[in-house]
Amino acid sequence: MTEWIYFIHVSRADFAATMTAEEQAVWAEHFERLKTMHAAGDLILAGPTLGTINTGLVIFEAADEETARQVMAEDPVIRGGHGRGELRPFRVSLLRGRD
């Protein structure tokens, strides 16, 4: 398994503070999916940047780039057009609690 990161770029500043009910529902679905990935051991870290620019970060493991792209494409936020995904290979070099 290799490590990957995808960024979720949202469409406007202050997105987290101005989400519509529909956007909140999609982000709730996104969060449930991340919890499932975490429980399965595939998710390493996930969360948003705070402040006026809200970029989501998802660091996870996948067998190859094709699988990683599929994971990102199936994210409800990206699939629904509520954010643009950007995938990159990643290496966790230092992480508290992990050698």
C-alpha atoms as a PDB file:
ATOM      1  CA  MET A   1       0.000   0.000   0.000  1.00  0.00           C
ATOM      2  CA  THR A   2       1.177   3.488  -0.776  1.00  0.00           C
ATOM      3  CA  GLU A   3       0.149   6.773   0.758  1.00  0.00           C
ATOM      4  CA  TRP A   4      -1.822   9.450  -1.061  1.00  0.00           C
ATOM      5  CA  ILE A   5      -3.215  12.854  -0.266  1.00  0.00           C
ATOM      6  CA  TYR A   6      -6.108  14.589  -1.868  1.00  0.00           C
ATOM      7  CA  PHE A   7      -7.096  18.151  -1.367  1.00  0.00           C
ATOM      8  CA  ILE A   8     -10.674  19.325  -1.619  1.00  0.00           C
ATOM      9  CA  HIS A   9     -10.839  22.857  -2.960  1.00  0.00           C
ATOM     10  CA  VAL A  10     -14.215  24.486  -2.324  1.00  0.00           C
ATOM     11  CA  SER A  11     -15.898  27.097  -4.480  1.00  0.00           C
ATOM     12  CA  ARG A  12     -15.870  30.149  -2.223  1.00  0.00           C
ATOM     13  CA  ALA A  13     -14.209  31.816   0.739  1.00  0.00           C
ATOM     14  CA  ASP A  14     -15.763  31.225   4.175  1.00  0.00           C
ATOM     15  CA  PHE A  15     -17.308  28.032   2.832  1.00  0.00           C
ATOM     16  CA  ALA A  16     -17.594  26.333   6.232  1.00  0.00           C
ATOM     17  CA  ALA A  17     -19.444  29.312   7.697  1.00  0.00           C
ATOM     18  CA  THR A  18     -21.805  29.737   4.728  1.00  0.00           C
ATOM     19  CA  MET A  19     -22.789  26.188   3.766  1.00  0.00           C
ATOM     20  CA  THR A  20     -26.323  25.645   2.523  1.00  0.00           C
ATOM     21  CA  ALA A  21     -28.464  22.827   3.930  1.00  0.00           C
ATOM     22  CA  GLU A  22     -27.707  20.764   0.812  1.00  0.00           C
ATOM     23  CA  GLU A  23     -23.953  21.330   1.203  1.00  0.00           C
ATOM     24  CA  GLN A  24     -24.137  20.401   4.899  1.00  0.00           C
ATOM     25  CA  ALA A  25     -25.853  17.131   3.988  1.00  0.00           C
ATOM     26  CA  VAL A  26     -23.179  16.264   1.414  1.00  0.00           C
ATOM     27  CA  TRP A  27     -20.376  17.093   3.846  1.00  0.00           C
ATOM     28  CA  ALA A  28     -22.050  14.921   6.495  1.00  0.00           C
ATOM     29  CA  GLU A  29     -22.059  12.033   3.981  1.00  0.00           C
ATOM     30  CA  HIS A  30     -18.386  12.802   3.237  1.00  0.00           C
ATOM     31  CA  PHE A  31     -17.564  12.622   6.960  1.00  0.00           C
ATOM     32  CA  GLU A  32     -19.385   9.302   7.389  1.00  0.00           C
ATOM     33  CA  ARG A  33     -17.353   7.907   4.481  1.00  0.00           C
ATOM     34  CA  LEU A  34     -14.127   9.083   6.120  1.00  0.00           C
ATOM     35  CA  LYS A  35     -15.145   7.372   9.373  1.00  0.00           C
ATOM     36  CA  THR A  36     -15.708   4.146   7.416  1.00  0.00           C
ATOM     37  CA  MET A  37     -12.276   4.466   5.785  1.00  0.00           C
ATOM     38  CA  HIS A  38     -10.747   5.106   9.223  1.00  0.00           C
ATOM     39  CA  ALA A  39     -12.432   2.044  10.740  1.00  0.00           C
ATOM     40  CA  ALA A  40     -11.138  -0.063   7.827  1.00  0.00           C
ATOM     41  CA  GLY A  41      -7.586   1.163   8.461  1.00  0.00           C
ATOM     42  CA  ASP A  42      -7.245   2.996   5.126  1.00  0.00           C
ATOM     43  CA  LEU A  43      -7.467   6.572   6.401  1.00  0.00           C
ATOM     44  CA  ILE A  44      -4.385   8.092   8.012  1.00  0.00           C
ATOM     45  CA  LEU A  45      -5.571  11.658   8.585  1.00  0.00           C
ATOM     46  CA  ALA A  46      -8.360  13.955   7.422  1.00  0.00           C
ATOM     47  CA  GLY A  47      -9.540  17.435   8.202  1.00  0.00           C
ATOM     48  CA  PRO A  48     -10.133  20.949   6.937  1.00  0.00           C
ATOM     49  CA  THR A  49      -7.987  24.020   7.049  1.00  0.00           C
ATOM     50  CA  LEU A  50      -9.594  26.744   9.133  1.00  0.00           C
ATOM     51  CA  GLY A  51     -10.087  30.446   8.544  1.00  0.00           C
ATOM     52  CA  THR A  52     -11.468  32.028   5.393  1.00  0.00           C
ATOM     53  CA  ILE A  53      -9.876  29.497   2.997  1.00  0.00           C
ATOM     54  CA  ASN A  54     -11.285  26.037   3.729  1.00  0.00           C
ATOM     55  CA  THR A  55      -9.322  23.277   2.000  1.00  0.00           C
ATOM     56  CA  GLY A  56      -9.999  19.677   2.943  1.00  0.00           C
ATOM     57  CA  LEU A  57      -7.114  17.221   3.324  1.00  0.00           C
ATOM     58  CA  VAL A  58      -7.447  13.441   3.154  1.00  0.00           C
ATOM     59  CA  ILE A  59      -4.355  11.272   3.642  1.00  0.00           C
ATOM     60  CA  PHE A  60      -4.979   7.604   2.987  1.00  0.00           C
ATOM     61  CA  GLU A  61      -3.491   4.361   1.727  1.00  0.00           C
ATOM     62  CA  ALA A  62      -4.303   2.769  -1.621  1.00  0.00           C
ATOM     63  CA  ALA A  63      -2.732   0.020  -3.684  1.00  0.00           C
ATOM     64  CA  ASP A  64      -1.972   2.226  -6.705  1.00  0.00           C
ATOM     65  CA  GLU A  65      -2.782   5.517  -8.402  1.00  0.00           C
ATOM     66  CA  GLU A  66      -5.848   4.173 -10.185  1.00  0.00           C
ATOM     67  CA  THR A  67      -7.345   3.035  -6.876  1.00  0.00           C
ATOM     68  CA  ALA A  68      -6.400   6.321  -5.212  1.00  0.00           C
ATOM     69  CA  ARG A  69      -8.107   8.284  -8.004  1.00  0.00           C
ATOM     70  CA  GLN A  70     -11.204   6.164  -7.595  1.00  0.00           C
ATOM     71  CA  VAL A  71     -11.256   6.790  -3.829  1.00  0.00           C
ATOM     72  CA  MET A  72     -11.044  10.539  -4.449  1.00  0.00           C
ATOM     73  CA  ALA A  73     -13.624  10.506  -7.279  1.00  0.00           C
ATOM     74  CA  GLU A  74     -16.118   8.641  -5.087  1.00  0.00           C
ATOM     75  CA  ASP A  75     -15.917  11.228  -2.308  1.00  0.00           C
ATOM     76  CA  PRO A  76     -19.479  12.619  -2.075  1.00  0.00           C
ATOM     77  CA  VAL A  77     -18.200  16.214  -2.079  1.00  0.00           C
ATOM     78  CA  ILE A  78     -16.191  15.735  -5.271  1.00  0.00           C
ATOM     79  CA  ARG A  79     -18.709  13.425  -6.935  1.00  0.00           C
ATOM     80  CA  GLY A  80     -21.465  15.960  -6.241  1.00  0.00           C
ATOM     81  CA  GLY A  81     -19.510  18.920  -7.589  1.00  0.00           C
ATOM     82  CA  HIS A  82     -19.271  20.690  -4.222  1.00  0.00           C
ATOM     83  CA  GLY A  83     -15.470  20.687  -4.314  1.00  0.00           C
ATOM     84  CA  ARG A  84     -12.631  20.046  -6.739  1.00  0.00           C
ATOM     85  CA  GLY A  85     -10.243  17.198  -5.915  1.00  0.00           C
ATOM     86  CA  GLU A  86      -6.480  17.269  -6.370  1.00  0.00           C
ATOM     87  CA  LEU A  87      -4.577  13.996  -5.854  1.00  0.00           C
ATOM     88  CA  ARG A  88      -0.869  13.642  -5.124  1.00  0.00           C
ATOM     89  CA  PRO A  89       1.386  10.819  -3.966  1.00  0.00           C
ATOM     90  CA  PHE A  90       2.383  11.345  -0.348  1.00  0.00           C
ATOM     91  CA  ARG A  91       4.771   9.978   2.236  1.00  0.00           C
ATOM     92  CA  VAL A  92       4.130  10.224   5.955  1.00  0.00           C
ATOM     93  CA  SER A  93       7.628  10.872   7.279  1.00  0.00           C
ATOM     94  CA  LEU A  94       6.889  11.647  10.912  1.00  0.00           C
ATOM     95  CA  LEU A  95       3.651  11.022  12.768  1.00  0.00           C
ATOM     96  CA  ARG A  96       3.117  11.005  16.512  1.00  0.00           C
ATOM     97  CA  GLY A  97       2.565   7.422  17.638  1.00  0.00           C
ATOM     98  CA  ARG A  98       3.876   5.902  14.410  1.00  0.00           C
ATOM     99  CA  ASP A  99       7.440   4.752  13.797  1.00  0.00           C
END
